[in-house]
Amino acid sequence: MGINVLFFGSLTDATAVAALNNVAAGDTAALQELLHQQYPALRTAKYFIAVNQQMIRENTTLKTGDVVALMPPFSGG
């Protein structure tokens, strides 16, 4: 059992998928490296990361069942 990864907005275009299930990664840095290898377009994409609906700004440990969302920049209005 692993983590679930959700892609939003333009990131679904970059990956051609909306979600990945049962991904094995111990932290968000390892997850990003894995995703950048699998989807090279993500290397240059700008995005925010949320773990279990909480925005993060630094490397975060992941555990089985966590949901990680990658979201492009957004603006309010």
Protein backbone atom coordinates (compact mmCIF):
# COMPACT_ATOMS: atom_id res chain seq x y z
CA MET A 1 0.00 0.00 0.00
CA GLY A 2 1.34 3.44 -0.84
CA ILE A 3 0.29 7.01 -1.27
CA ASN A 4 -2.16 8.53 -3.73
CA VAL A 5 -1.13 11.43 -5.94
CA LEU A 6 -3.63 13.84 -7.51
CA PHE A 7 -2.84 16.23 -10.36
CA PHE A 8 -4.86 19.38 -11.03
CA GLY A 9 -5.20 21.91 -13.84
CA SER A 10 -2.39 22.10 -16.36
CA LEU A 11 -0.51 19.36 -14.52
CA THR A 12 -2.99 16.81 -15.82
CA ASP A 13 -1.95 17.90 -19.32
CA ALA A 14 1.73 17.50 -18.42
CA THR A 15 1.21 14.00 -17.03
CA ALA A 16 -1.80 12.82 -19.09
CA VAL A 17 -3.27 11.41 -15.86
CA ALA A 18 -5.41 12.86 -13.08
CA ALA A 19 -4.25 10.49 -10.34
CA LEU A 20 -1.76 7.80 -9.39
CA ASN A 21 -2.47 5.17 -6.74
CA ASN A 22 -0.17 3.18 -4.49
CA VAL A 23 2.97 5.21 -5.20
CA ALA A 24 5.95 4.26 -3.04
CA ALA A 25 7.80 7.32 -1.71
CA GLY A 26 9.08 8.04 1.79
CA ASP A 27 8.88 11.82 1.56
CA THR A 28 7.85 14.59 -0.78
CA ALA A 29 11.39 15.10 -2.11
CA ALA A 30 11.59 11.44 -3.17
CA LEU A 31 8.10 11.68 -4.64
CA GLN A 32 9.04 14.73 -6.71
CA GLU A 33 12.15 13.00 -8.04
CA LEU A 34 10.11 9.93 -8.97
CA LEU A 35 7.47 12.05 -10.71
CA HIS A 36 10.08 14.13 -12.54
CA GLN A 37 11.63 10.93 -13.91
CA GLN A 38 8.27 9.53 -14.97
CA TYR A 39 6.88 12.85 -16.28
CA PRO A 40 9.76 15.09 -17.47
CA ALA A 41 7.36 17.99 -18.20
CA LEU A 42 6.91 18.38 -14.43
CA ARG A 43 10.57 19.44 -14.08
CA THR A 44 9.81 22.85 -15.54
CA ALA A 45 6.22 23.16 -14.31
CA LYS A 46 5.38 25.46 -11.42
CA TYR A 47 3.20 23.83 -8.77
CA PHE A 48 2.30 23.69 -5.11
CA ILE A 49 2.17 20.51 -3.06
CA ALA A 50 -0.47 19.64 -0.47
CA VAL A 51 -0.34 16.58 1.79
CA ASN A 52 -3.71 15.51 3.17
CA GLN A 53 -5.19 18.90 2.20
CA GLN A 54 -2.44 20.89 3.95
CA MET A 55 -0.15 23.05 1.81
CA ILE A 56 3.52 22.32 2.51
CA ARG A 57 6.67 24.31 1.82
CA GLU A 58 9.37 21.88 2.91
CA ASN A 59 10.17 18.20 2.58
CA THR A 60 7.51 16.18 4.40
CA THR A 61 7.50 12.53 5.45
CA LEU A 62 4.79 10.47 3.78
CA LYS A 63 2.99 7.43 5.14
CA THR A 64 0.71 4.81 3.65
CA GLY A 65 -2.67 6.23 2.77
CA ASP A 66 -1.54 9.86 2.47
CA VAL A 67 -3.00 11.91 -0.38
CA VAL A 68 -0.61 14.26 -2.14
CA ALA A 69 -2.01 16.89 -4.49
CA LEU A 70 0.05 18.77 -7.06
CA MET A 71 -1.61 22.03 -8.05
CA PRO A 72 -0.56 24.76 -10.46
CA PRO A 73 -0.33 28.34 -9.18
CA PHE A 74 -3.71 29.99 -8.71
CA SER A 75 -4.93 33.46 -7.91
CA GLY A 76 -7.93 34.67 -6.01
CA GLY A 77 -10.37 37.17 -7.20
